[in-house]
Amino acid sequence: MTPFTFTKHERLQRKDFRNKRWFKCSESNHFSLLVHRNEEGKRRVAVTIRKKIGCAVARNRIRRLIKESFRLEKELFPESCDSLIKVKRAWAATSLALISDELRGLLKTKKMPKGVDV
């Protein structure tokens, strides 16, 4: 398997991230990163966006760009953890470069809480 894939095993379904205790690692102007330790030993990701962020087209574009940056930069995400990325606000102009830069900064400044040993 090539490292630049995004398989269904790396996606978090709604049932996977509900009723779990999430720990906030870091925040930026547009994102919040929450993590939860998983037993599978894989990096998994989910993206949540509230309806007040924009129309469905804008929300889906942001979601696709975040997943694309995960696909390209998996090594920055914590190993054996589920990552939940909450989008707090939208950009005036969205592009993969802007989102990737902000996610990269978010992941480099992450502080893992005491309850999560990674």
PDB file of N, CA and C in Angstrom:
ATOM      1  N   MET A   1       0.845  -1.178   0.000  1.00  0.00           N
ATOM      2  CA  MET A   1       0.000   0.000   0.000  1.00  0.00           C
ATOM      3  C   MET A   1       0.892   1.243   0.000  1.00  0.00           C
ATOM      4  N   THR A   2       0.562   2.201  -0.817  1.00  0.00           N
ATOM      5  CA  THR A   2       1.337   3.425  -0.875  1.00  0.00           C
ATOM      6  C   THR A   2       0.992   4.322   0.313  1.00  0.00           C
ATOM      7  N   PRO A   3       1.928   5.147   0.763  1.00  0.00           N
ATOM      8  CA  PRO A   3       1.664   5.993   1.932  1.00  0.00           C
ATOM      9  C   PRO A   3       0.687   7.128   1.654  1.00  0.00           C
ATOM     10  N   PHE A   4       0.448   7.466   0.382  1.00  0.00           N
ATOM     11  CA  PHE A   4      -0.433   8.584   0.054  1.00  0.00           C
ATOM     12  C   PHE A   4      -1.837   8.106  -0.288  1.00  0.00           C
ATOM     13  N   THR A   5      -2.426   7.335   0.599  1.00  0.00           N
ATOM     14  CA  THR A   5      -3.791   6.877   0.404  1.00  0.00           C
ATOM     15  C   THR A   5      -4.637   7.312   1.589  1.00  0.00           C
ATOM     16  N   PHE A   6      -5.933   7.255   1.399  1.00  0.00           N
ATOM     17  CA  PHE A   6      -6.866   7.562   2.481  1.00  0.00           C
ATOM     18  C   PHE A   6      -7.929   6.480   2.443  1.00  0.00           C
ATOM     19  N   THR A   7      -7.678   5.391   3.161  1.00  0.00           N
ATOM     20  CA  THR A   7      -8.555   4.238   3.103  1.00  0.00           C
ATOM     21  C   THR A   7      -9.733   4.385   4.049  1.00  0.00           C
ATOM     22  N   LYS A   8     -10.697   3.500   3.931  1.00  0.00           N
ATOM     23  CA  LYS A   8     -11.871   3.569   4.796  1.00  0.00           C
ATOM     24  C   LYS A   8     -11.517   3.224   6.239  1.00  0.00           C
ATOM     25  N   HIS A   9     -10.402   2.548   6.465  1.00  0.00           N
ATOM     26  CA  HIS A   9      -9.968   2.223   7.826  1.00  0.00           C
ATOM     27  C   HIS A   9      -9.355   3.436   8.531  1.00  0.00           C
ATOM     28  N   GLU A  10      -9.021   4.467   7.770  1.00  0.00           N
ATOM     29  CA  GLU A  10      -8.457   5.684   8.352  1.00  0.00           C
ATOM     30  C   GLU A  10      -9.510   6.759   8.597  1.00  0.00           C
ATOM     31  N   ARG A  11     -10.740   6.476   8.232  1.00  0.00           N
ATOM     32  CA  ARG A  11     -11.834   7.418   8.446  1.00  0.00           C
ATOM     33  C   ARG A  11     -12.573   7.046   9.715  1.00  0.00           C
ATOM     34  N   LEU A  12     -12.968   8.044  10.467  1.00  0.00           N
ATOM     35  CA  LEU A  12     -13.813   7.825  11.635  1.00  0.00           C
ATOM     36  C   LEU A  12     -15.271   7.976  11.222  1.00  0.00           C
ATOM     37  N   GLN A  13     -16.069   6.999  11.557  1.00  0.00           N
ATOM     38  CA  GLN A  13     -17.498   7.088  11.317  1.00  0.00           C
ATOM     39  C   GLN A  13     -18.149   7.787  12.503  1.00  0.00           C
ATOM     40  N   ARG A  14     -19.379   8.190  12.343  1.00  0.00           N
ATOM     41  CA  ARG A  14     -20.079   8.895  13.410  1.00  0.00           C
ATOM     42  C   ARG A  14     -20.141   8.048  14.682  1.00  0.00           C
ATOM     43  N   LYS A  15     -20.367   6.749  14.529  1.00  0.00           N
ATOM     44  CA  LYS A  15     -20.430   5.864  15.704  1.00  0.00           C
ATOM     45  C   LYS A  15     -19.080   5.746  16.399  1.00  0.00           C
ATOM     46  N   ASP A  16     -17.988   6.016  15.690  1.00  0.00           N
ATOM     47  CA  ASP A  16     -16.655   5.913  16.274  1.00  0.00           C
ATOM     48  C   ASP A  16     -16.300   7.101  17.163  1.00  0.00           C
ATOM     49  N   PHE A  17     -16.858   8.271  16.886  1.00  0.00           N
ATOM     50  CA  PHE A  17     -16.423   9.416  17.685  1.00  0.00           C
ATOM     51  C   PHE A  17     -17.503   9.971  18.608  1.00  0.00           C
ATOM     52  N   ARG A  18     -18.669   9.382  18.588  1.00  0.00           N
ATOM     53  CA  ARG A  18     -19.685   9.783  19.569  1.00  0.00           C
ATOM     54  C   ARG A  18     -19.481   8.977  20.850  1.00  0.00           C
ATOM     55  N   ASN A  19     -19.862   9.563  21.970  1.00  0.00           N
ATOM     56  CA  ASN A  19     -19.795   8.919  23.292  1.00  0.00           C
ATOM     57  C   ASN A  19     -18.373   8.529  23.698  1.00  0.00           C
ATOM     58  N   LYS A  20     -17.391   9.296  23.262  1.00  0.00           N
ATOM     59  CA  LYS A  20     -16.009   9.100  23.684  1.00  0.00           C
ATOM     60  C   LYS A  20     -15.524  10.376  24.344  1.00  0.00           C
ATOM     61  N   ARG A  21     -14.513  10.248  25.146  1.00  0.00           N
ATOM     62  CA  ARG A  21     -13.930  11.425  25.778  1.00  0.00           C
ATOM     63  C   ARG A  21     -12.769  11.911  24.927  1.00  0.00           C
ATOM     64  N   TRP A  22     -12.905  13.113  24.414  1.00  0.00           N
ATOM     65  CA  TRP A  22     -11.899  13.708  23.556  1.00  0.00           C
ATOM     66  C   TRP A  22     -11.077  14.704  24.352  1.00  0.00           C
ATOM     67  N   PHE A  23      -9.787  14.779  24.053  1.00  0.00           N
ATOM     68  CA  PHE A  23      -8.879  15.706  24.716  1.00  0.00           C
ATOM     69  C   PHE A  23      -8.430  16.756  23.708  1.00  0.00           C
ATOM     70  N   LYS A  24      -8.563  18.019  24.067  1.00  0.00           N
ATOM     71  CA  LYS A  24      -8.158  19.097  23.173  1.00  0.00           C
ATOM     72  C   LYS A  24      -6.642  19.245  23.216  1.00  0.00           C
ATOM     73  N   CYS A  25      -6.024  19.163  22.045  1.00  0.00           N
ATOM     74  CA  CYS A  25      -4.569  19.274  21.943  1.00  0.00           C
ATOM     75  C   CYS A  25      -4.131  20.686  21.616  1.00  0.00           C
ATOM     76  N   SER A  26      -4.727  21.253  20.599  1.00  0.00           N
ATOM     77  CA  SER A  26      -4.312  22.587  20.192  1.00  0.00           C
ATOM     78  C   SER A  26      -5.433  23.260  19.412  1.00  0.00           C
ATOM     79  N   GLU A  27      -5.258  24.571  19.244  1.00  0.00           N
ATOM     80  CA  GLU A  27      -6.230  25.380  18.516  1.00  0.00           C
ATOM     81  C   GLU A  27      -5.496  26.361  17.617  1.00  0.00           C
ATOM     82  N   SER A  28      -6.147  26.715  16.542  1.00  0.00           N
ATOM     83  CA  SER A  28      -5.660  27.780  15.680  1.00  0.00           C
ATOM     84  C   SER A  28      -6.841  28.712  15.407  1.00  0.00           C
ATOM     85  N   ASN A  29      -6.666  29.635  14.498  1.00  0.00           N
ATOM     86  CA  ASN A  29      -7.752  30.559  14.195  1.00  0.00           C
ATOM     87  C   ASN A  29      -8.971  29.865  13.606  1.00  0.00           C
ATOM     88  N   HIS A  30      -8.743  28.804  12.851  1.00  0.00           N
ATOM     89  CA  HIS A  30      -9.841  28.148  12.147  1.00  0.00           C
ATOM     90  C   HIS A  30     -10.134  26.730  12.625  1.00  0.00           C
ATOM     91  N   PHE A  31      -9.222  26.096  13.362  1.00  0.00           N
ATOM     92  CA  PHE A  31      -9.388  24.690  13.739  1.00  0.00           C
ATOM     93  C   PHE A  31      -9.210  24.463  15.230  1.00  0.00           C
ATOM     94  N   SER A  32      -9.807  23.378  15.709  1.00  0.00           N
ATOM     95  CA  SER A  32      -9.499  22.807  17.021  1.00  0.00           C
ATOM     96  C   SER A  32      -9.148  21.339  16.772  1.00  0.00           C
ATOM     97  N   LEU A  33      -8.103  20.862  17.405  1.00  0.00           N
ATOM     98  CA  LEU A  33      -7.689  19.468  17.264  1.00  0.00           C
ATOM     99  C   LEU A  33      -7.980  18.740  18.564  1.00  0.00           C
ATOM    100  N   LEU A  34      -8.771  17.671  18.468  1.00  0.00           N
ATOM    101  CA  LEU A  34      -9.085  16.830  19.610  1.00  0.00           C
ATOM    102  C   LEU A  34      -8.596  15.418  19.301  1.00  0.00           C
ATOM    103  N   VAL A  35      -8.088  14.721  20.320  1.00  0.00           N
ATOM    104  CA  VAL A  35      -7.573  13.366  20.103  1.00  0.00           C
ATOM    105  C   VAL A  35      -8.178  12.397  21.109  1.00  0.00           C
ATOM    106  N   HIS A  36      -8.168  11.140  20.700  1.00  0.00           N
ATOM    107  CA  HIS A  36      -8.607  10.046  21.548  1.00  0.00           C
ATOM    108  C   HIS A  36      -7.746   8.835  21.184  1.00  0.00           C
ATOM    109  N   ARG A  37      -7.217   8.173  22.175  1.00  0.00           N
ATOM    110  CA  ARG A  37      -6.363   6.994  21.965  1.00  0.00           C
ATOM    111  C   ARG A  37      -7.216   5.845  21.427  1.00  0.00           C
ATOM    112  N   ASN A  38      -6.751   5.173  20.381  1.00  0.00           N
ATOM    113  CA  ASN A  38      -7.471   4.000  19.881  1.00  0.00           C
ATOM    114  C   ASN A  38      -6.649   2.741  20.082  1.00  0.00           C
ATOM    115  N   GLU A  39      -7.318   1.626  20.044  1.00  0.00           N
ATOM    116  CA  GLU A  39      -6.660   0.336  20.282  1.00  0.00           C
ATOM    117  C   GLU A  39      -6.161  -0.308  18.999  1.00  0.00           C
ATOM    118  N   GLU A  40      -6.520   0.256  17.867  1.00  0.00           N
ATOM    119  CA  GLU A  40      -6.180  -0.354  16.586  1.00  0.00           C
ATOM    120  C   GLU A  40      -4.766  -0.060  16.120  1.00  0.00           C
ATOM    121  N   GLY A  41      -4.123   0.942  16.702  1.00  0.00           N
ATOM    122  CA  GLY A  41      -2.766   1.285  16.306  1.00  0.00           C
ATOM    123  C   GLY A  41      -2.688   2.035  14.993  1.00  0.00           C
ATOM    124  N   LYS A  42      -3.786   2.632  14.550  1.00  0.00           N
ATOM    125  CA  LYS A  42      -3.805   3.369  13.286  1.00  0.00           C
ATOM    126  C   LYS A  42      -4.135   4.827  13.539  1.00  0.00           C
ATOM    127  N   ARG A  43      -3.719   5.650  12.615  1.00  0.00           N
ATOM    128  CA  ARG A  43      -4.130   7.056  12.626  1.00  0.00           C
ATOM    129  C   ARG A  43      -5.473   7.139  11.921  1.00  0.00           C
ATOM    130  N   ARG A  44      -6.438   7.745  12.584  1.00  0.00           N
ATOM    131  CA  ARG A  44      -7.739   7.932  11.954  1.00  0.00           C
ATOM    132  C   ARG A  44      -8.160   9.385  12.153  1.00  0.00           C
ATOM    133  N   VAL A  45      -8.982   9.875  11.239  1.00  0.00           N
ATOM    134  CA  VAL A  45      -9.356  11.286  11.286  1.00  0.00           C
ATOM    135  C   VAL A  45     -10.841  11.461  10.961  1.00  0.00           C
ATOM    136  N   ALA A  46     -11.421  12.491  11.563  1.00  0.00           N
ATOM    137  CA  ALA A  46     -12.778  12.933  11.246  1.00  0.00           C
ATOM    138  C   ALA A  46     -12.783  14.454  11.243  1.00  0.00           C
ATOM    139  N   VAL A  47     -13.685  15.021  10.475  1.00  0.00           N
ATOM    140  CA  VAL A  47     -13.808  16.473  10.373  1.00  0.00           C
ATOM    141  C   VAL A  47     -15.254  16.842  10.681  1.00  0.00           C
ATOM    142  N   THR A  48     -15.449  17.810  11.570  1.00  0.00           N
ATOM    143  CA  THR A  48     -16.796  18.301  11.854  1.00  0.00           C
ATOM    144  C   THR A  48     -16.857  19.791  11.547  1.00  0.00           C
ATOM    145  N   ILE A  49     -17.955  20.175  10.906  1.00  0.00           N
ATOM    146  CA  ILE A  49     -18.177  21.563  10.531  1.00  0.00           C
ATOM    147  C   ILE A  49     -19.634  21.896  10.838  1.00  0.00           C
ATOM    148  N   ARG A  50     -19.856  22.989  11.558  1.00  0.00           N
ATOM    149  CA  ARG A  50     -21.219  23.406  11.868  1.00  0.00           C
ATOM    150  C   ARG A  50     -21.869  24.052  10.650  1.00  0.00           C
ATOM    151  N   LYS A  51     -23.175  24.022  10.611  1.00  0.00           N
ATOM    152  CA  LYS A  51     -23.902  24.566   9.468  1.00  0.00           C
ATOM    153  C   LYS A  51     -23.757  26.069   9.322  1.00  0.00           C
ATOM    154  N   LYS A  52     -23.445  26.755  10.406  1.00  0.00           N
ATOM    155  CA  LYS A  52     -23.332  28.213  10.306  1.00  0.00           C
ATOM    156  C   LYS A  52     -22.034  28.655   9.636  1.00  0.00           C
ATOM    157  N   ILE A  53     -21.147  27.729   9.351  1.00  0.00           N
ATOM    158  CA  ILE A  53     -19.887  28.051   8.679  1.00  0.00           C
ATOM    159  C   ILE A  53     -20.143  28.519   7.250  1.00  0.00           C
ATOM    160  N   GLY A  54     -21.095  27.918   6.573  1.00  0.00           N
ATOM    161  CA  GLY A  54     -21.372  28.308   5.191  1.00  0.00           C
ATOM    162  C   GLY A  54     -22.345  27.341   4.562  1.00  0.00           C
ATOM    163  N   CYS A  55     -22.526  27.488   3.265  1.00  0.00           N
ATOM    164  CA  CYS A  55     -23.432  26.590   2.557  1.00  0.00           C
ATOM    165  C   CYS A  55     -22.781  25.206   2.428  1.00  0.00           C
ATOM    166  N   ALA A  56     -23.553  24.244   1.983  1.00  0.00           N
ATOM    167  CA  ALA A  56     -23.077  22.864   1.909  1.00  0.00           C
ATOM    168  C   ALA A  56     -21.867  22.733   0.986  1.00  0.00           C
ATOM    169  N   VAL A  57     -21.849  23.490  -0.091  1.00  0.00           N
ATOM    170  CA  VAL A  57     -20.732  23.430  -1.027  1.00  0.00           C
ATOM    171  C   VAL A  57     -19.437  23.867  -0.347  1.00  0.00           C
ATOM    172  N   ALA A  58     -19.493  24.963   0.408  1.00  0.00           N
ATOM    173  CA  ALA A  58     -18.305  25.467   1.100  1.00  0.00           C
ATOM    174  C   ALA A  58     -17.849  24.497   2.186  1.00  0.00           C
ATOM    175  N   ARG A  59     -18.796  23.942   2.946  1.00  0.00           N
ATOM    176  CA  ARG A  59     -18.442  22.992   4.007  1.00  0.00           C
ATOM    177  C   ARG A  59     -17.805  21.736   3.420  1.00  0.00           C
ATOM    178  N   ASN A  60     -18.361  21.221   2.347  1.00  0.00           N
ATOM    179  CA  ASN A  60     -17.800  20.013   1.735  1.00  0.00           C
ATOM    180  C   ASN A  60     -16.429  20.279   1.133  1.00  0.00           C
ATOM    181  N   ARG A  61     -16.221  21.458   0.582  1.00  0.00           N
ATOM    182  CA  ARG A  61     -14.894  21.798   0.031  1.00  0.00           C
ATOM    183  C   ARG A  61     -13.852  21.836   1.142  1.00  0.00           C
ATOM    184  N   ILE A  62     -14.179  22.464   2.265  1.00  0.00           N
ATOM    185  CA  ILE A  62     -13.247  22.515   3.398  1.00  0.00           C
ATOM    186  C   ILE A  62     -12.957  21.117   3.900  1.00  0.00           C
ATOM    187  N   ARG A  63     -13.997  20.293   4.016  1.00  0.00           N
ATOM    188  CA  ARG A  63     -13.828  18.916   4.482  1.00  0.00           C
ATOM    189  C   ARG A  63     -12.922  18.115   3.535  1.00  0.00           C
ATOM    190  N   ARG A  64     -13.132  18.272   2.242  1.00  0.00           N
ATOM    191  CA  ARG A  64     -12.288  17.564   1.260  1.00  0.00           C
ATOM    192  C   ARG A  64     -10.840  18.011   1.334  1.00  0.00           C
ATOM    193  N   LEU A  65     -10.621  19.314   1.504  1.00  0.00           N
ATOM    194  CA  LEU A  65      -9.249  19.823   1.565  1.00  0.00           C
ATOM    195  C   LEU A  65      -8.541  19.362   2.847  1.00  0.00           C
ATOM    196  N   ILE A  66      -9.257  19.284   3.960  1.00  0.00           N
ATOM    197  CA  ILE A  66      -8.650  18.787   5.199  1.00  0.00           C
ATOM    198  C   ILE A  66      -8.285  17.312   5.043  1.00  0.00           C
ATOM    199  N   LYS A  67      -9.160  16.528   4.455  1.00  0.00           N
ATOM    200  CA  LYS A  67      -8.860  15.105   4.240  1.00  0.00           C
ATOM    201  C   LYS A  67      -7.693  14.919   3.279  1.00  0.00           C
ATOM    202  N   GLU A  68      -7.598  15.793   2.279  1.00  0.00           N
ATOM    203  CA  GLU A  68      -6.479  15.724   1.338  1.00  0.00           C
ATOM    204  C   GLU A  68      -5.161  16.048   2.034  1.00  0.00           C
ATOM    205  N   SER A  69      -5.168  17.035   2.916  1.00  0.00           N
ATOM    206  CA  SER A  69      -3.933  17.355   3.634  1.00  0.00           C
ATOM    207  C   SER A  69      -3.573  16.231   4.610  1.00  0.00           C
ATOM    208  N   PHE A  70      -4.563  15.536   5.191  1.00  0.00           N
ATOM    209  CA  PHE A  70      -4.282  14.351   6.006  1.00  0.00           C
ATOM    210  C   PHE A  70      -3.628  13.276   5.153  1.00  0.00           C
ATOM    211  N   ARG A  71      -4.155  13.062   3.964  1.00  0.00           N
ATOM    212  CA  ARG A  71      -3.622  12.035   3.068  1.00  0.00           C
ATOM    213  C   ARG A  71      -2.168  12.309   2.711  1.00  0.00           C
ATOM    214  N   LEU A  72      -1.832  13.588   2.519  1.00  0.00           N
ATOM    215  CA  LEU A  72      -0.477  13.941   2.114  1.00  0.00           C
ATOM    216  C   LEU A  72       0.504  14.017   3.280  1.00  0.00           C
ATOM    217  N   GLU A  73       0.013  14.285   4.494  1.00  0.00           N
ATOM    218  CA  GLU A  73       0.914  14.503   5.629  1.00  0.00           C
ATOM    219  C   GLU A  73       0.489  13.680   6.849  1.00  0.00           C
ATOM    220  N   LYS A  74       0.327  12.396   6.661  1.00  0.00           N
ATOM    221  CA  LYS A  74      -0.106  11.513   7.747  1.00  0.00           C
ATOM    222  C   LYS A  74       0.878  11.459   8.898  1.00  0.00           C
ATOM    223  N   GLU A  75       2.150  11.590   8.618  1.00  0.00           N
ATOM    224  CA  GLU A  75       3.164  11.430   9.660  1.00  0.00           C
ATOM    225  C   GLU A  75       3.085  12.519  10.721  1.00  0.00           C
ATOM    226  N   LEU A  76       2.433  13.643  10.431  1.00  0.00           N
ATOM    227  CA  LEU A  76       2.288  14.705  11.424  1.00  0.00           C
ATOM    228  C   LEU A  76       1.210  14.388  12.466  1.00  0.00           C
ATOM    229  N   PHE A  77       0.268  13.532  12.116  1.00  0.00           N
ATOM    230  CA  PHE A  77      -0.814  13.180  13.028  1.00  0.00           C
ATOM    231  C   PHE A  77      -0.316  12.163  14.052  1.00  0.00           C
ATOM    232  N   PRO A  78      -0.843  12.202  15.284  1.00  0.00           N
ATOM    233  CA  PRO A  78      -0.366  11.291  16.332  1.00  0.00           C
ATOM    234  C   PRO A  78      -0.633   9.822  15.980  1.00  0.00           C
ATOM    235  N   GLU A  79       0.338   8.984  16.272  1.00  0.00           N
ATOM    236  CA  GLU A  79       0.233   7.543  16.021  1.00  0.00           C
ATOM    237  C   GLU A  79      -0.738   6.924  17.025  1.00  0.00           C
ATOM    238  N   SER A  80      -1.516   5.946  16.604  1.00  0.00           N
ATOM    239  CA  SER A  80      -2.473   5.212  17.438  1.00  0.00           C
ATOM    240  C   SER A  80      -3.507   6.126  18.091  1.00  0.00           C
ATOM    241  N   CYS A  81      -3.876   7.184  17.406  1.00  0.00           N
ATOM    242  CA  CYS A  81      -4.872   8.113  17.945  1.00  0.00           C
ATOM    243  C   CYS A  81      -5.910   8.438  16.881  1.00  0.00           C
ATOM    244  N   ASP A  82      -7.126   8.664  17.362  1.00  0.00           N
ATOM    245  CA  ASP A  82      -8.172   9.207  16.521  1.00  0.00           C
ATOM    246  C   ASP A  82      -8.084  10.723  16.644  1.00  0.00           C
ATOM    247  N   SER A  83      -8.092  11.403  15.525  1.00  0.00           N
ATOM    248  CA  SER A  83      -8.018  12.866  15.518  1.00  0.00           C
ATOM    249  C   SER A  83      -9.338  13.421  15.014  1.00  0.00           C
ATOM    250  N   LEU A  84      -9.888  14.340  15.766  1.00  0.00           N
ATOM    251  CA  LEU A  84     -11.113  15.019  15.378  1.00  0.00           C
ATOM    252  C   LEU A  84     -10.764  16.481  15.147  1.00  0.00           C
ATOM    253  N   ILE A  85     -10.988  16.949  13.934  1.00  0.00           N
ATOM    254  CA  ILE A  85     -10.688  18.329  13.587  1.00  0.00           C
ATOM    255  C   ILE A  85     -12.009  19.079  13.497  1.00  0.00           C
ATOM    256  N   LYS A  86     -12.182  20.061  14.367  1.00  0.00           N
ATOM    257  CA  LYS A  86     -13.376  20.893  14.351  1.00  0.00           C
ATOM    258  C   LYS A  86     -13.047  22.190  13.637  1.00  0.00           C
ATOM    259  N   VAL A  87     -13.858  22.530  12.662  1.00  0.00           N
ATOM    260  CA  VAL A  87     -13.664  23.784  11.942  1.00  0.00           C
ATOM    261  C   VAL A  87     -14.452  24.856  12.681  1.00  0.00           C
ATOM    262  N   LYS A  88     -13.757  25.917  13.095  1.00  0.00           N
ATOM    263  CA  LYS A  88     -14.397  26.973  13.881  1.00  0.00           C
ATOM    264  C   LYS A  88     -14.957  28.083  13.002  1.00  0.00           C
ATOM    265  N   ARG A  89     -14.249  28.429  11.938  1.00  0.00           N
ATOM    266  CA  ARG A  89     -14.740  29.477  11.025  1.00  0.00           C
ATOM    267  C   ARG A  89     -14.164  29.243   9.637  1.00  0.00           C
ATOM    268  N   ALA A  90     -14.796  29.850   8.658  1.00  0.00           N
ATOM    269  CA  ALA A  90     -14.397  29.657   7.259  1.00  0.00           C
ATOM    270  C   ALA A  90     -13.423  30.744   6.821  1.00  0.00           C
ATOM    271  N   TRP A  91     -12.772  30.516   5.710  1.00  0.00           N
ATOM    272  CA  TRP A  91     -11.840  31.455   5.116  1.00  0.00           C
ATOM    273  C   TRP A  91     -12.566  32.294   4.077  1.00  0.00           C
ATOM    274  N   ALA A  92     -11.965  33.404   3.727  1.00  0.00           N
ATOM    275  CA  ALA A  92     -12.504  34.196   2.618  1.00  0.00           C
ATOM    276  C   ALA A  92     -12.260  33.451   1.301  1.00  0.00           C
ATOM    277  N   ALA A  93     -11.075  32.879   1.163  1.00  0.00           N
ATOM    278  CA  ALA A  93     -10.735  32.079  -0.016  1.00  0.00           C
ATOM    279  C   ALA A  93     -10.053  30.805   0.472  1.00  0.00           C
ATOM    280  N   THR A  94     -10.609  29.669   0.130  1.00  0.00           N
ATOM    281  CA  THR A  94     -10.027  28.407   0.584  1.00  0.00           C
ATOM    282  C   THR A  94      -9.142  27.817  -0.503  1.00  0.00           C
ATOM    283  N   SER A  95      -8.013  27.289  -0.083  1.00  0.00           N
ATOM    284  CA  SER A  95      -7.123  26.579  -0.992  1.00  0.00           C
ATOM    285  C   SER A  95      -6.400  25.511  -0.178  1.00  0.00           C
ATOM    286  N   LEU A  96      -5.884  24.527  -0.858  1.00  0.00           N
ATOM    287  CA  LEU A  96      -5.177  23.442  -0.183  1.00  0.00           C
ATOM    288  C   LEU A  96      -3.938  23.969   0.535  1.00  0.00           C
ATOM    289  N   ALA A  97      -3.261  24.940  -0.060  1.00  0.00           N
ATOM    290  CA  ALA A  97      -2.047  25.476   0.554  1.00  0.00           C
ATOM    291  C   ALA A  97      -2.360  26.176   1.878  1.00  0.00           C
ATOM    292  N   LEU A  98      -3.419  26.983   1.921  1.00  0.00           N
ATOM    293  CA  LEU A  98      -3.789  27.674   3.158  1.00  0.00           C
ATOM    294  C   LEU A  98      -4.178  26.701   4.267  1.00  0.00           C
ATOM    295  N   ILE A  99      -5.005  25.726   3.919  1.00  0.00           N
ATOM    296  CA  ILE A  99      -5.467  24.758   4.915  1.00  0.00           C
ATOM    297  C   ILE A  99      -4.321  23.879   5.382  1.00  0.00           C
ATOM    298  N   SER A 100      -3.467  23.442   4.469  1.00  0.00           N
ATOM    299  CA  SER A 100      -2.332  22.594   4.851  1.00  0.00           C
ATOM    300  C   SER A 100      -1.366  23.334   5.762  1.00  0.00           C
ATOM    301  N   ASP A 101      -1.102  24.597   5.471  1.00  0.00           N
ATOM    302  CA  ASP A 101      -0.204  25.379   6.319  1.00  0.00           C
ATOM    303  C   ASP A 101      -0.754  25.528   7.728  1.00  0.00           C
ATOM    304  N   GLU A 102      -2.042  25.824   7.829  1.00  0.00           N
ATOM    305  CA  GLU A 102      -2.622  25.992   9.163  1.00  0.00           C
ATOM    306  C   GLU A 102      -2.686  24.665   9.922  1.00  0.00           C
ATOM    307  N   LEU A 103      -3.019  23.579   9.221  1.00  0.00           N
ATOM    308  CA  LEU A 103      -3.022  22.263   9.875  1.00  0.00           C
ATOM    309  C   LEU A 103      -1.617  21.851  10.308  1.00  0.00           C
ATOM    310  N   ARG A 104      -0.627  22.141   9.480  1.00  0.00           N
ATOM    311  CA  ARG A 104       0.756  21.818   9.821  1.00  0.00           C
ATOM    312  C   ARG A 104       1.169  22.556  11.091  1.00  0.00           C
ATOM    313  N   GLY A 105       0.835  23.834  11.175  1.00  0.00           N
ATOM    314  CA  GLY A 105       1.132  24.603  12.380  1.00  0.00           C
ATOM    315  C   GLY A 105       0.380  24.085  13.593  1.00  0.00           C
ATOM    316  N   LEU A 106      -0.857  23.677  13.392  1.00  0.00           N
ATOM    317  CA  LEU A 106      -1.679  23.129  14.465  1.00  0.00           C
ATOM    318  C   LEU A 106      -1.086  21.830  15.002  1.00  0.00           C
ATOM    319  N   LEU A 107      -0.624  20.982  14.101  1.00  0.00           N
ATOM    320  CA  LEU A 107      -0.095  19.677  14.510  1.00  0.00           C
ATOM    321  C   LEU A 107       1.302  19.771  15.106  1.00  0.00           C
ATOM    322  N   LYS A 108       2.081  20.760  14.699  1.00  0.00           N
ATOM    323  CA  LYS A 108       3.424  20.914  15.262  1.00  0.00           C
ATOM    324  C   LYS A 108       3.395  21.497  16.664  1.00  0.00           C
ATOM    325  N   THR A 109       2.341  22.245  16.989  1.00  0.00           N
ATOM    326  CA  THR A 109       2.249  22.847  18.324  1.00  0.00           C
ATOM    327  C   THR A 109       1.351  22.045  19.258  1.00  0.00           C
ATOM    328  N   LYS A 110       0.990  20.831  18.871  1.00  0.00           N
ATOM    329  CA  LYS A 110       0.071  20.050  19.706  1.00  0.00           C
ATOM    330  C   LYS A 110       0.736  19.674  21.024  1.00  0.00           C
ATOM    331  N   LYS A 111      -0.060  19.681  22.067  1.00  0.00           N
ATOM    332  CA  LYS A 111       0.374  19.251  23.385  1.00  0.00           C
ATOM    333  C   LYS A 111      -0.543  18.126  23.809  1.00  0.00           C
ATOM    334  N   MET A 112      -0.002  16.932  23.919  1.00  0.00           N
ATOM    335  CA  MET A 112      -0.822  15.794  24.280  1.00  0.00           C
ATOM    336  C   MET A 112      -1.154  15.866  25.764  1.00  0.00           C
ATOM    337  N   PRO A 113      -2.421  15.739  26.140  1.00  0.00           N
ATOM    338  CA  PRO A 113      -2.794  15.781  27.558  1.00  0.00           C
ATOM    339  C   PRO A 113      -2.284  14.576  28.318  1.00  0.00           C
ATOM    340  N   LYS A 114      -2.313  14.649  29.638  1.00  0.00           N
ATOM    341  CA  LYS A 114      -1.785  13.580  30.479  1.00  0.00           C
ATOM    342  C   LYS A 114      -2.548  12.280  30.315  1.00  0.00           C
ATOM    343  N   GLY A 115      -3.847  12.343  30.011  1.00  0.00           N
ATOM    344  CA  GLY A 115      -4.655  11.140  29.875  1.00  0.00           C
ATOM    345  C   GLY A 115      -4.359  10.356  28.616  1.00  0.00           C
ATOM    346  N   VAL A 116      -3.704  10.985  27.656  1.00  0.00           N
ATOM    347  CA  VAL A 116      -3.402  10.329  26.383  1.00  0.00           C
ATOM    348  C   VAL A 116      -1.894  10.175  26.283  1.00  0.00           C
ATOM    349  N   ASP A 117      -1.415   8.946  26.338  1.00  0.00           N
ATOM    350  CA  ASP A 117       0.019   8.705  26.227  1.00  0.00           C
ATOM    351  C   ASP A 117       0.335   8.208  24.846  1.00  0.00           C
ATOM    352  N   VAL A 118       0.960   9.071  24.048  1.00  0.00           N
ATOM    353  CA  VAL A 118       1.307   8.718  22.667  1.00  0.00           C
ATOM    354  C   VAL A 118       2.799   8.723  22.518  1.00  0.00           C
TER     355      VAL A 118
END
